[in-house]
Amino acid sequence: MILVNTDYIPGKEFETLGLVRGSTIQAKHVGKDILSGLKTLVGGELKAYSEMMNEARAKATLRMVEEADKMEADGIVNIRYTSSTVMSGAAEILAYGTAVRFK
């Protein structure tokens, strides 16, 4: 499966199959949440949250690809990610794109 954030794939012609998406809601352990809160006092990267968001993007991408597989797609173009806060320490990640089949 080819995944791109452009609306084309060089050298490939394809037909559009439709929108595919995957999402997840992730939260960090309350202990890590407290430590991250303390980190905001001194500044710097909140590594626990960076890890959480990377894991969430990977899960959302996998779910999007699984949906495209069900459509027998060869690739997904124009992939985008969005996130929103669900509650303190928890975020939803949505991955979406257009499933395509090569001609």
C-alpha atoms as a PDB file:
ATOM      1  CA  MET A   1       0.000   0.000   0.000  1.00  0.00           C
ATOM      2  CA  ILE A   2       1.361   3.387  -1.021  1.00  0.00           C
ATOM      3  CA  LEU A   3       0.593   6.246   1.369  1.00  0.00           C
ATOM      4  CA  VAL A   4       1.184   9.863   0.289  1.00  0.00           C
ATOM      5  CA  ASN A   5       0.075  13.300   1.387  1.00  0.00           C
ATOM      6  CA  THR A   6      -0.098  14.547  -2.212  1.00  0.00           C
ATOM      7  CA  ASP A   7      -3.075  14.201  -4.533  1.00  0.00           C
ATOM      8  CA  TYR A   8      -1.018  12.218  -7.058  1.00  0.00           C
ATOM      9  CA  ILE A   9       1.564   9.437  -7.193  1.00  0.00           C
ATOM     10  CA  PRO A  10       4.279  10.050  -9.798  1.00  0.00           C
ATOM     11  CA  GLY A  11       3.987   7.594 -12.690  1.00  0.00           C
ATOM     12  CA  LYS A  12       0.684   6.112 -11.490  1.00  0.00           C
ATOM     13  CA  GLU A  13      -2.815   6.490 -12.873  1.00  0.00           C
ATOM     14  CA  PHE A  14      -5.600   5.564 -10.524  1.00  0.00           C
ATOM     15  CA  GLU A  15      -9.301   5.550  -9.924  1.00  0.00           C
ATOM     16  CA  THR A  16     -10.757   7.034  -6.759  1.00  0.00           C
ATOM     17  CA  LEU A  17     -12.495   4.574  -4.444  1.00  0.00           C
ATOM     18  CA  GLY A  18     -13.536   6.946  -1.682  1.00  0.00           C
ATOM     19  CA  LEU A  19     -12.736   8.424   1.690  1.00  0.00           C
ATOM     20  CA  VAL A  20     -10.990   6.270   4.276  1.00  0.00           C
ATOM     21  CA  ARG A  21     -10.281   7.189   7.861  1.00  0.00           C
ATOM     22  CA  GLY A  22      -8.960   5.843  11.106  1.00  0.00           C
ATOM     23  CA  SER A  23      -9.031   7.307  14.581  1.00  0.00           C
ATOM     24  CA  THR A  24      -8.031   6.655  18.144  1.00  0.00           C
ATOM     25  CA  ILE A  25      -8.264   8.386  21.489  1.00  0.00           C
ATOM     26  CA  GLN A  26      -5.153   8.107  23.625  1.00  0.00           C
ATOM     27  CA  ALA A  27      -4.454   9.071  27.224  1.00  0.00           C
ATOM     28  CA  LYS A  28      -1.334   8.926  29.335  1.00  0.00           C
ATOM     29  CA  HIS A  29      -1.013   7.324  32.736  1.00  0.00           C
ATOM     30  CA  VAL A  30      -1.971   9.795  35.468  1.00  0.00           C
ATOM     31  CA  GLY A  31       1.538   9.599  36.962  1.00  0.00           C
ATOM     32  CA  LYS A  32       3.101  10.661  33.673  1.00  0.00           C
ATOM     33  CA  ASP A  33       0.445  13.347  33.340  1.00  0.00           C
ATOM     34  CA  ILE A  34       1.475  14.832  36.701  1.00  0.00           C
ATOM     35  CA  LEU A  35       5.174  14.719  35.757  1.00  0.00           C
ATOM     36  CA  SER A  36       4.394  16.425  32.450  1.00  0.00           C
ATOM     37  CA  GLY A  37       2.473  19.092  34.325  1.00  0.00           C
ATOM     38  CA  LEU A  38       5.566  19.799  36.425  1.00  0.00           C
ATOM     39  CA  LYS A  39       7.666  19.973  33.243  1.00  0.00           C
ATOM     40  CA  THR A  40       5.556  22.889  32.022  1.00  0.00           C
ATOM     41  CA  LEU A  41       6.999  24.947  34.882  1.00  0.00           C
ATOM     42  CA  VAL A  42      10.562  24.658  33.610  1.00  0.00           C
ATOM     43  CA  GLY A  43       9.916  24.218  29.884  1.00  0.00           C
ATOM     44  CA  GLY A  44      11.136  21.639  27.421  1.00  0.00           C
ATOM     45  CA  GLU A  45       9.678  18.746  25.482  1.00  0.00           C
ATOM     46  CA  LEU A  46       6.908  16.731  27.083  1.00  0.00           C
ATOM     47  CA  LYS A  47       8.276  13.374  25.986  1.00  0.00           C
ATOM     48  CA  ALA A  48       5.391  11.328  27.396  1.00  0.00           C
ATOM     49  CA  TYR A  49       2.973  13.353  25.278  1.00  0.00           C
ATOM     50  CA  SER A  50       5.202  13.181  22.200  1.00  0.00           C
ATOM     51  CA  GLU A  51       5.258   9.394  22.550  1.00  0.00           C
ATOM     52  CA  MET A  52       1.503   9.312  23.099  1.00  0.00           C
ATOM     53  CA  MET A  53       0.846  11.340  19.952  1.00  0.00           C
ATOM     54  CA  ASN A  54       3.255   9.238  17.865  1.00  0.00           C
ATOM     55  CA  GLU A  55       1.518   6.049  19.050  1.00  0.00           C
ATOM     56  CA  ALA A  56      -1.891   7.563  18.323  1.00  0.00           C
ATOM     57  CA  ARG A  57      -0.883   8.622  14.779  1.00  0.00           C
ATOM     58  CA  ALA A  58       0.450   5.122  14.095  1.00  0.00           C
ATOM     59  CA  LYS A  59      -2.791   3.502  15.322  1.00  0.00           C
ATOM     60  CA  ALA A  60      -4.984   5.911  13.371  1.00  0.00           C
ATOM     61  CA  THR A  61      -2.905   5.314  10.222  1.00  0.00           C
ATOM     62  CA  LEU A  62      -3.166   1.543  10.642  1.00  0.00           C
ATOM     63  CA  ARG A  63      -6.947   1.751  11.015  1.00  0.00           C
ATOM     64  CA  MET A  64      -7.165   3.942   7.913  1.00  0.00           C
ATOM     65  CA  VAL A  65      -5.078   1.416   5.934  1.00  0.00           C
ATOM     66  CA  GLU A  66      -7.284  -1.452   7.180  1.00  0.00           C
ATOM     67  CA  GLU A  67     -10.342   0.401   5.859  1.00  0.00           C
ATOM     68  CA  ALA A  68      -8.598   0.926   2.502  1.00  0.00           C
ATOM     69  CA  ASP A  69      -7.683  -2.787   2.384  1.00  0.00           C
ATOM     70  CA  LYS A  70     -11.373  -3.660   2.710  1.00  0.00           C
ATOM     71  CA  MET A  71     -11.957  -1.546  -0.423  1.00  0.00           C
ATOM     72  CA  GLU A  72      -9.105  -3.424  -2.153  1.00  0.00           C
ATOM     73  CA  ALA A  73      -7.194  -0.180  -2.570  1.00  0.00           C
ATOM     74  CA  ASP A  74      -3.617   0.017  -3.807  1.00  0.00           C
ATOM     75  CA  GLY A  75      -2.871   3.293  -2.083  1.00  0.00           C
ATOM     76  CA  ILE A  76      -4.139   6.288  -0.173  1.00  0.00           C
ATOM     77  CA  VAL A  77      -3.545   9.809  -1.441  1.00  0.00           C
ATOM     78  CA  ASN A  78      -3.969  13.225   0.133  1.00  0.00           C
ATOM     79  CA  ILE A  79      -3.514  11.879   3.680  1.00  0.00           C
ATOM     80  CA  ARG A  80      -4.163  14.341   6.469  1.00  0.00           C
ATOM     81  CA  TYR A  81      -4.082  14.186  10.263  1.00  0.00           C
ATOM     82  CA  THR A  82      -6.046  16.179  12.768  1.00  0.00           C
ATOM     83  CA  SER A  83      -6.162  16.115  16.539  1.00  0.00           C
ATOM     84  CA  SER A  84      -8.414  17.411  19.244  1.00  0.00           C
ATOM     85  CA  THR A  85      -8.369  17.380  23.012  1.00  0.00           C
ATOM     86  CA  VAL A  86     -11.034  15.139  24.470  1.00  0.00           C
ATOM     87  CA  MET A  87     -10.160  15.857  28.096  1.00  0.00           C
ATOM     88  CA  SER A  88      -7.077  16.811  30.050  1.00  0.00           C
ATOM     89  CA  GLY A  89      -4.336  14.361  29.122  1.00  0.00           C
ATOM     90  CA  ALA A  90      -6.324  12.669  26.325  1.00  0.00           C
ATOM     91  CA  ALA A  91      -6.416  13.425  22.619  1.00  0.00           C
ATOM     92  CA  GLU A  92      -8.198  12.089  19.564  1.00  0.00           C
ATOM     93  CA  ILE A  93      -6.185  11.632  16.390  1.00  0.00           C
ATOM     94  CA  LEU A  94      -7.963  11.269  13.064  1.00  0.00           C
ATOM     95  CA  ALA A  95      -6.152  10.144   9.903  1.00  0.00           C
ATOM     96  CA  TYR A  96      -8.005  10.447   6.609  1.00  0.00           C
ATOM     97  CA  GLY A  97      -7.339  10.283   2.901  1.00  0.00           C
ATOM     98  CA  THR A  98      -8.640   9.040  -0.432  1.00  0.00           C
ATOM     99  CA  ALA A  99      -8.349   5.340  -1.255  1.00  0.00           C
ATOM    100  CA  VAL A 100      -7.264   4.653  -4.834  1.00  0.00           C
ATOM    101  CA  ARG A 101      -6.823   1.660  -7.134  1.00  0.00           C
ATOM    102  CA  PHE A 102      -4.154   1.722  -9.830  1.00  0.00           C
ATOM    103  CA  LYS A 103      -5.191   1.339 -13.473  1.00  0.00           C
END
